[in-house]
Amino acid sequence: MQAYCVKCRTKREMKDAKAITMKNAKPATQGTCPVCGTKMFRIGKS
């Protein structure tokens, strides 16, 4: 799944992506950037 990396300023394929639920009960996907290692989020159903 692709997500926007804030540090690299590009869309990249997420590494170790997993489905989570945010505090406001909305679904999201969380992973890490394969280049810089920053946390990435994609809000919405995964």
C-alpha atoms as a PDB file:
ATOM      1  CA  MET A   1       0.000   0.000   0.000  1.00  0.00           C
ATOM      2  CA  GLN A   2       1.295   3.447  -0.873  1.00  0.00           C
ATOM      3  CA  ALA A   3       1.367   6.380   1.530  1.00  0.00           C
ATOM      4  CA  TYR A   4       2.948   9.838   1.633  1.00  0.00           C
ATOM      5  CA  CYS A   5       6.259  10.141   3.481  1.00  0.00           C
ATOM      6  CA  VAL A   6       6.539  13.572   5.106  1.00  0.00           C
ATOM      7  CA  LYS A   7      10.319  13.368   5.442  1.00  0.00           C
ATOM      8  CA  CYS A   8      11.016  12.243   1.840  1.00  0.00           C
ATOM      9  CA  ARG A   9       8.113  14.309   0.436  1.00  0.00           C
ATOM     10  CA  THR A  10       7.074  11.524  -1.944  1.00  0.00           C
ATOM     11  CA  LYS A  11       4.592   8.664  -2.122  1.00  0.00           C
ATOM     12  CA  ARG A  12       6.228   5.354  -1.335  1.00  0.00           C
ATOM     13  CA  GLU A  13       5.245   1.751  -0.746  1.00  0.00           C
ATOM     14  CA  MET A  14       4.750   1.211   3.005  1.00  0.00           C
ATOM     15  CA  LYS A  15       6.910  -1.380   4.773  1.00  0.00           C
ATOM     16  CA  ASP A  16       5.450  -3.465   7.642  1.00  0.00           C
ATOM     17  CA  ALA A  17       1.938  -2.085   7.020  1.00  0.00           C
ATOM     18  CA  LYS A  18      -0.691  -3.007   9.608  1.00  0.00           C
ATOM     19  CA  ALA A  19      -4.322  -2.012  10.095  1.00  0.00           C
ATOM     20  CA  ILE A  20      -4.999   0.094  13.194  1.00  0.00           C
ATOM     21  CA  THR A  21      -7.881   2.038  14.721  1.00  0.00           C
ATOM     22  CA  MET A  22      -7.249   5.671  15.623  1.00  0.00           C
ATOM     23  CA  LYS A  23      -8.427   7.337  18.843  1.00  0.00           C
ATOM     24  CA  ASN A  24     -11.561   8.644  17.112  1.00  0.00           C
ATOM     25  CA  ALA A  25     -12.478   5.057  16.076  1.00  0.00           C
ATOM     26  CA  LYS A  26     -11.601   5.586  12.389  1.00  0.00           C
ATOM     27  CA  PRO A  27      -9.625   2.907  10.532  1.00  0.00           C
ATOM     28  CA  ALA A  28      -6.102   3.611   9.273  1.00  0.00           C
ATOM     29  CA  THR A  29      -2.958   1.851   8.098  1.00  0.00           C
ATOM     30  CA  GLN A  30       0.392   2.410   9.770  1.00  0.00           C
ATOM     31  CA  GLY A  31       3.811   1.426   8.483  1.00  0.00           C
ATOM     32  CA  THR A  32       7.335   2.689   7.939  1.00  0.00           C
ATOM     33  CA  CYS A  33       9.117   4.327   5.011  1.00  0.00           C
ATOM     34  CA  PRO A  34      11.556   1.856   3.417  1.00  0.00           C
ATOM     35  CA  VAL A  35      14.057   4.654   2.635  1.00  0.00           C
ATOM     36  CA  CYS A  36      14.238   6.847   5.761  1.00  0.00           C
ATOM     37  CA  GLY A  37      12.409   4.737   8.393  1.00  0.00           C
ATOM     38  CA  THR A  38       9.827   7.404   9.316  1.00  0.00           C
ATOM     39  CA  LYS A  39       6.342   6.314  10.447  1.00  0.00           C
ATOM     40  CA  MET A  40       3.739   6.589   7.687  1.00  0.00           C
ATOM     41  CA  PHE A  41      -0.048   6.728   8.007  1.00  0.00           C
ATOM     42  CA  ARG A  42      -2.847   6.265   5.528  1.00  0.00           C
ATOM     43  CA  ILE A  43      -6.277   7.148   6.870  1.00  0.00           C
ATOM     44  CA  GLY A  44      -9.211   5.060   5.642  1.00  0.00           C
ATOM     45  CA  LYS A  45     -10.099   1.436   5.238  1.00  0.00           C
ATOM     46  CA  SER A  46      -7.052  -0.734   4.494  1.00  0.00           C
END
